[in-house]
N, C-alpha and C. Protein backbone atom coordinates (compact mmCIF):
# COMPACT_ATOMS: atom_id res chain seq x y z
N MET A 1 -239.34 -85.77 -23.92
CA MET A 1 -238.67 -84.64 -24.51
C MET A 1 -238.92 -83.40 -23.68
N GLY A 2 -238.07 -82.48 -23.71
CA GLY A 2 -238.29 -81.19 -23.07
C GLY A 2 -238.15 -81.20 -21.56
N HIS A 3 -238.40 -80.08 -20.97
CA HIS A 3 -238.24 -79.88 -19.53
C HIS A 3 -239.46 -79.13 -19.02
N ARG A 4 -240.59 -79.82 -18.88
CA ARG A 4 -241.84 -79.16 -18.52
C ARG A 4 -242.38 -79.56 -17.15
N HIS A 5 -241.98 -80.71 -16.63
CA HIS A 5 -242.48 -81.22 -15.35
C HIS A 5 -243.98 -81.53 -15.40
N VAL A 6 -244.56 -81.64 -16.60
CA VAL A 6 -245.98 -81.90 -16.76
C VAL A 6 -246.16 -82.95 -17.86
N PRO A 7 -246.89 -84.04 -17.59
CA PRO A 7 -247.15 -85.02 -18.64
C PRO A 7 -248.04 -84.43 -19.73
N HIS A 8 -247.66 -84.61 -20.97
CA HIS A 8 -248.39 -84.04 -22.09
C HIS A 8 -247.99 -84.79 -23.35
N CYS A 9 -248.86 -84.82 -24.35
CA CYS A 9 -248.50 -85.45 -25.62
C CYS A 9 -249.28 -84.84 -26.75
N TRP A 10 -248.75 -84.98 -27.94
CA TRP A 10 -249.47 -84.59 -29.15
C TRP A 10 -248.91 -85.38 -30.31
N THR A 11 -249.67 -85.41 -31.41
CA THR A 11 -249.25 -86.13 -32.61
C THR A 11 -249.16 -85.14 -33.77
N LEU A 12 -248.07 -85.24 -34.51
CA LEU A 12 -247.83 -84.38 -35.66
C LEU A 12 -247.33 -85.24 -36.81
N ASN A 13 -248.06 -85.26 -37.91
CA ASN A 13 -247.68 -86.04 -39.10
C ASN A 13 -247.36 -87.49 -38.78
N GLY A 14 -248.17 -88.10 -37.91
CA GLY A 14 -248.01 -89.51 -37.60
C GLY A 14 -246.99 -89.82 -36.53
N THR A 15 -246.32 -88.82 -35.99
CA THR A 15 -245.34 -89.02 -34.92
C THR A 15 -245.93 -88.52 -33.61
N THR A 16 -245.84 -89.33 -32.57
CA THR A 16 -246.34 -88.94 -31.25
C THR A 16 -245.19 -88.41 -30.41
N PHE A 17 -245.35 -87.21 -29.89
CA PHE A 17 -244.35 -86.57 -29.03
C PHE A 17 -244.88 -86.62 -27.60
N LEU A 18 -244.01 -87.00 -26.67
CA LEU A 18 -244.41 -87.15 -25.26
C LEU A 18 -243.54 -86.30 -24.34
N TYR A 19 -244.19 -85.62 -23.43
CA TYR A 19 -243.52 -85.04 -22.27
C TYR A 19 -243.86 -85.94 -21.10
N CYS A 20 -242.94 -86.09 -20.19
CA CYS A 20 -243.28 -86.79 -18.95
C CYS A 20 -243.22 -85.78 -17.81
N GLY A 21 -243.81 -86.16 -16.70
CA GLY A 21 -243.73 -85.31 -15.52
C GLY A 21 -242.33 -85.44 -14.93
N THR A 22 -242.17 -84.96 -13.73
CA THR A 22 -240.92 -85.12 -13.01
C THR A 22 -241.16 -86.17 -11.94
N SER A 23 -240.32 -87.17 -11.88
CA SER A 23 -240.61 -88.31 -11.00
C SER A 23 -240.25 -88.07 -9.54
N THR A 24 -239.32 -87.17 -9.25
CA THR A 24 -238.90 -87.01 -7.86
C THR A 24 -238.98 -85.58 -7.34
N SER A 25 -239.10 -84.61 -8.21
CA SER A 25 -239.13 -83.22 -7.78
C SER A 25 -240.53 -82.82 -7.32
N THR A 26 -240.60 -81.92 -6.37
CA THR A 26 -241.90 -81.37 -5.96
C THR A 26 -242.17 -80.06 -6.70
N LYS A 27 -241.30 -79.70 -7.63
CA LYS A 27 -241.49 -78.49 -8.43
C LYS A 27 -242.39 -78.85 -9.62
N VAL A 28 -243.68 -78.91 -9.34
CA VAL A 28 -244.67 -79.31 -10.34
C VAL A 28 -245.71 -78.20 -10.49
N ARG A 29 -246.54 -78.32 -11.52
CA ARG A 29 -247.62 -77.36 -11.73
C ARG A 29 -248.72 -77.55 -10.69
N VAL A 30 -249.58 -76.57 -10.61
CA VAL A 30 -250.69 -76.59 -9.65
C VAL A 30 -251.51 -77.86 -9.84
N ASN A 31 -251.84 -78.53 -8.75
CA ASN A 31 -252.68 -79.74 -8.74
C ASN A 31 -252.07 -80.93 -9.48
N GLU A 32 -250.80 -80.93 -9.78
CA GLU A 32 -250.12 -82.07 -10.39
C GLU A 32 -249.26 -82.73 -9.32
N SER A 33 -249.05 -84.02 -9.48
CA SER A 33 -248.16 -84.76 -8.58
C SER A 33 -246.92 -85.15 -9.35
N PRO A 34 -245.82 -85.44 -8.65
CA PRO A 34 -244.66 -85.98 -9.35
C PRO A 34 -245.08 -87.27 -10.08
N SER A 35 -244.59 -87.47 -11.29
CA SER A 35 -245.03 -88.62 -12.07
C SER A 35 -243.98 -89.02 -13.10
N PHE A 36 -244.21 -90.17 -13.69
CA PHE A 36 -243.41 -90.63 -14.83
C PHE A 36 -244.34 -91.35 -15.79
N ASN A 37 -243.88 -91.54 -17.02
CA ASN A 37 -244.70 -92.21 -18.03
C ASN A 37 -244.36 -93.69 -18.10
N TYR A 38 -245.39 -94.52 -18.20
CA TYR A 38 -245.25 -95.95 -18.47
C TYR A 38 -245.68 -96.14 -19.92
N ILE A 39 -244.76 -96.58 -20.77
CA ILE A 39 -245.01 -96.68 -22.21
C ILE A 39 -245.04 -98.15 -22.61
N HIS A 40 -246.12 -98.53 -23.29
CA HIS A 40 -246.23 -99.89 -23.82
C HIS A 40 -246.48 -99.80 -25.32
N MET A 41 -245.58 -100.40 -26.12
CA MET A 41 -245.70 -100.40 -27.57
C MET A 41 -245.77 -101.83 -28.06
N ASP A 42 -246.68 -102.07 -29.01
CA ASP A 42 -246.84 -103.40 -29.58
C ASP A 42 -247.29 -103.23 -31.03
N ASP A 43 -246.41 -103.51 -31.98
CA ASP A 43 -246.68 -103.32 -33.40
C ASP A 43 -247.17 -101.89 -33.65
N TYR A 44 -248.44 -101.71 -34.02
CA TYR A 44 -248.98 -100.39 -34.32
C TYR A 44 -249.75 -99.78 -33.17
N GLU A 45 -249.63 -100.33 -31.99
CA GLU A 45 -250.37 -99.83 -30.84
C GLU A 45 -249.43 -99.19 -29.83
N LEU A 46 -249.82 -98.01 -29.33
CA LEU A 46 -249.05 -97.30 -28.32
C LEU A 46 -249.99 -96.94 -27.19
N ASN A 47 -249.66 -97.34 -25.98
CA ASN A 47 -250.41 -96.97 -24.78
C ASN A 47 -249.44 -96.31 -23.82
N VAL A 48 -249.81 -95.12 -23.35
CA VAL A 48 -248.98 -94.40 -22.39
C VAL A 48 -249.84 -94.08 -21.18
N ASP A 49 -249.35 -94.45 -20.01
CA ASP A 49 -250.02 -94.13 -18.75
C ASP A 49 -249.13 -93.20 -17.95
N ILE A 50 -249.75 -92.28 -17.22
CA ILE A 50 -249.04 -91.45 -16.26
C ILE A 50 -249.08 -92.19 -14.94
N VAL A 51 -247.92 -92.37 -14.32
CA VAL A 51 -247.85 -93.05 -13.03
C VAL A 51 -247.48 -92.03 -11.96
N ASN A 52 -248.35 -91.88 -10.98
CA ASN A 52 -248.10 -90.98 -9.85
C ASN A 52 -246.94 -91.55 -9.04
N SER A 53 -245.87 -90.78 -8.88
CA SER A 53 -244.68 -91.26 -8.16
C SER A 53 -244.93 -91.51 -6.68
N LEU A 54 -245.93 -90.86 -6.11
CA LEU A 54 -246.21 -91.02 -4.68
C LEU A 54 -247.09 -92.22 -4.39
N SER A 55 -248.15 -92.41 -5.20
CA SER A 55 -249.10 -93.49 -4.94
C SER A 55 -248.95 -94.68 -5.88
N LEU A 56 -248.20 -94.50 -6.98
CA LEU A 56 -248.03 -95.49 -8.05
C LEU A 56 -249.34 -95.81 -8.78
N GLU A 57 -250.33 -94.94 -8.66
CA GLU A 57 -251.57 -95.10 -9.41
C GLU A 57 -251.34 -94.68 -10.86
N LYS A 58 -251.98 -95.41 -11.79
CA LYS A 58 -251.85 -95.12 -13.21
C LYS A 58 -253.07 -94.37 -13.72
N GLU A 59 -252.83 -93.45 -14.66
CA GLU A 59 -253.89 -92.70 -15.32
C GLU A 59 -253.56 -92.67 -16.81
N PRO A 60 -254.48 -93.04 -17.68
CA PRO A 60 -254.18 -93.05 -19.11
C PRO A 60 -253.87 -91.66 -19.64
N LEU A 61 -252.87 -91.58 -20.53
CA LEU A 61 -252.52 -90.33 -21.19
C LEU A 61 -252.89 -90.38 -22.67
N ILE A 62 -252.50 -91.46 -23.35
CA ILE A 62 -252.82 -91.59 -24.77
C ILE A 62 -252.98 -93.06 -25.12
N ARG A 63 -253.89 -93.32 -26.03
CA ARG A 63 -254.08 -94.64 -26.63
C ARG A 63 -254.01 -94.43 -28.13
N ARG A 64 -253.05 -95.07 -28.79
CA ARG A 64 -252.88 -94.86 -30.22
C ARG A 64 -252.79 -96.20 -30.95
N THR A 65 -253.60 -96.33 -32.00
CA THR A 65 -253.51 -97.48 -32.89
C THR A 65 -253.15 -96.95 -34.28
N LYS A 66 -253.02 -97.86 -35.22
CA LYS A 66 -252.69 -97.45 -36.58
C LYS A 66 -253.77 -96.54 -37.16
N GLU A 67 -255.02 -96.77 -36.78
CA GLU A 67 -256.15 -96.03 -37.33
C GLU A 67 -256.61 -94.84 -36.48
N ASN A 68 -256.27 -94.82 -35.20
CA ASN A 68 -256.91 -93.87 -34.29
C ASN A 68 -255.93 -93.38 -33.22
N VAL A 69 -256.05 -92.11 -32.87
CA VAL A 69 -255.31 -91.55 -31.74
C VAL A 69 -256.33 -91.00 -30.75
N GLN A 70 -256.26 -91.46 -29.52
CA GLN A 70 -257.18 -91.01 -28.48
C GLN A 70 -256.36 -90.37 -27.37
N PHE A 71 -256.48 -89.06 -27.23
CA PHE A 71 -255.84 -88.36 -26.13
C PHE A 71 -256.76 -88.46 -24.94
N VAL A 72 -256.35 -89.19 -23.94
CA VAL A 72 -257.23 -89.49 -22.82
C VAL A 72 -257.23 -88.36 -21.80
N LYS A 73 -256.06 -87.82 -21.51
CA LYS A 73 -255.96 -86.75 -20.52
C LYS A 73 -255.89 -85.41 -21.23
N TYR A 74 -256.88 -84.59 -21.00
CA TYR A 74 -256.91 -83.24 -21.57
C TYR A 74 -255.87 -82.40 -20.88
N ARG A 75 -255.11 -81.65 -21.62
CA ARG A 75 -254.08 -80.77 -21.05
C ARG A 75 -254.65 -79.37 -20.87
N ASN A 76 -254.81 -78.97 -19.63
CA ASN A 76 -255.33 -77.63 -19.34
C ASN A 76 -254.30 -76.57 -19.71
N THR A 77 -254.80 -75.38 -20.01
CA THR A 77 -253.89 -74.26 -20.19
C THR A 77 -253.40 -73.82 -18.81
N ARG A 78 -252.37 -73.03 -18.78
CA ARG A 78 -251.80 -72.56 -17.51
C ARG A 78 -252.84 -71.82 -16.67
N ILE A 79 -253.64 -70.96 -17.28
CA ILE A 79 -254.64 -70.21 -16.51
C ILE A 79 -255.70 -71.14 -15.94
N GLU A 80 -256.07 -72.21 -16.67
CA GLU A 80 -257.04 -73.17 -16.14
C GLU A 80 -256.47 -73.88 -14.91
N HIS A 81 -255.17 -74.19 -14.93
CA HIS A 81 -254.53 -74.80 -13.75
C HIS A 81 -254.61 -73.86 -12.55
N ILE A 82 -254.32 -72.60 -12.78
CA ILE A 82 -254.31 -71.63 -11.67
C ILE A 82 -255.72 -71.46 -11.10
N LEU A 83 -256.71 -71.32 -11.98
CA LEU A 83 -258.07 -71.09 -11.52
C LEU A 83 -258.64 -72.28 -10.77
N LYS A 84 -258.18 -73.50 -11.06
CA LYS A 84 -258.67 -74.69 -10.38
C LYS A 84 -257.81 -75.08 -9.18
N ALA A 85 -256.82 -74.29 -8.85
CA ALA A 85 -255.90 -74.60 -7.76
C ALA A 85 -256.63 -74.75 -6.44
N LYS A 86 -256.20 -75.73 -5.67
CA LYS A 86 -256.81 -75.96 -4.35
C LYS A 86 -256.67 -74.76 -3.44
N ILE A 87 -255.59 -74.00 -3.61
CA ILE A 87 -255.38 -72.84 -2.73
C ILE A 87 -256.38 -71.72 -3.02
N LEU A 88 -257.01 -71.75 -4.21
CA LEU A 88 -258.02 -70.74 -4.53
C LEU A 88 -259.43 -71.20 -4.22
N SER A 89 -259.60 -72.46 -3.84
CA SER A 89 -260.94 -73.00 -3.56
C SER A 89 -261.46 -72.55 -2.21
C-alpha cells in the first residue's frame, strides 16, 4: 500500500498493513537498498521478508501467528535515518 519506497508494516485491529520498498528505483531513503516484499501466508501464519533487489538477500520484516505479532525490523524515524547516513560518518 502507499508510495513510500521503504519497507514498513504495522497491525491495527488484527489487520496487518504492509509497505514495500521500491524494487527498481534508486530513489530510496538513506542507507536503504531497492527491495521488494516476499510474503508467505499459511492458515493463521504470516511471514514477510524484505528482499534486496541488488543482492537478493532476505531480511525478516514481520512474523505473525494467530497469537503473536513480531515486528522483526524496527522502522527508524526520518531523523534517525539521516543521522546514521554513511555520508555523515
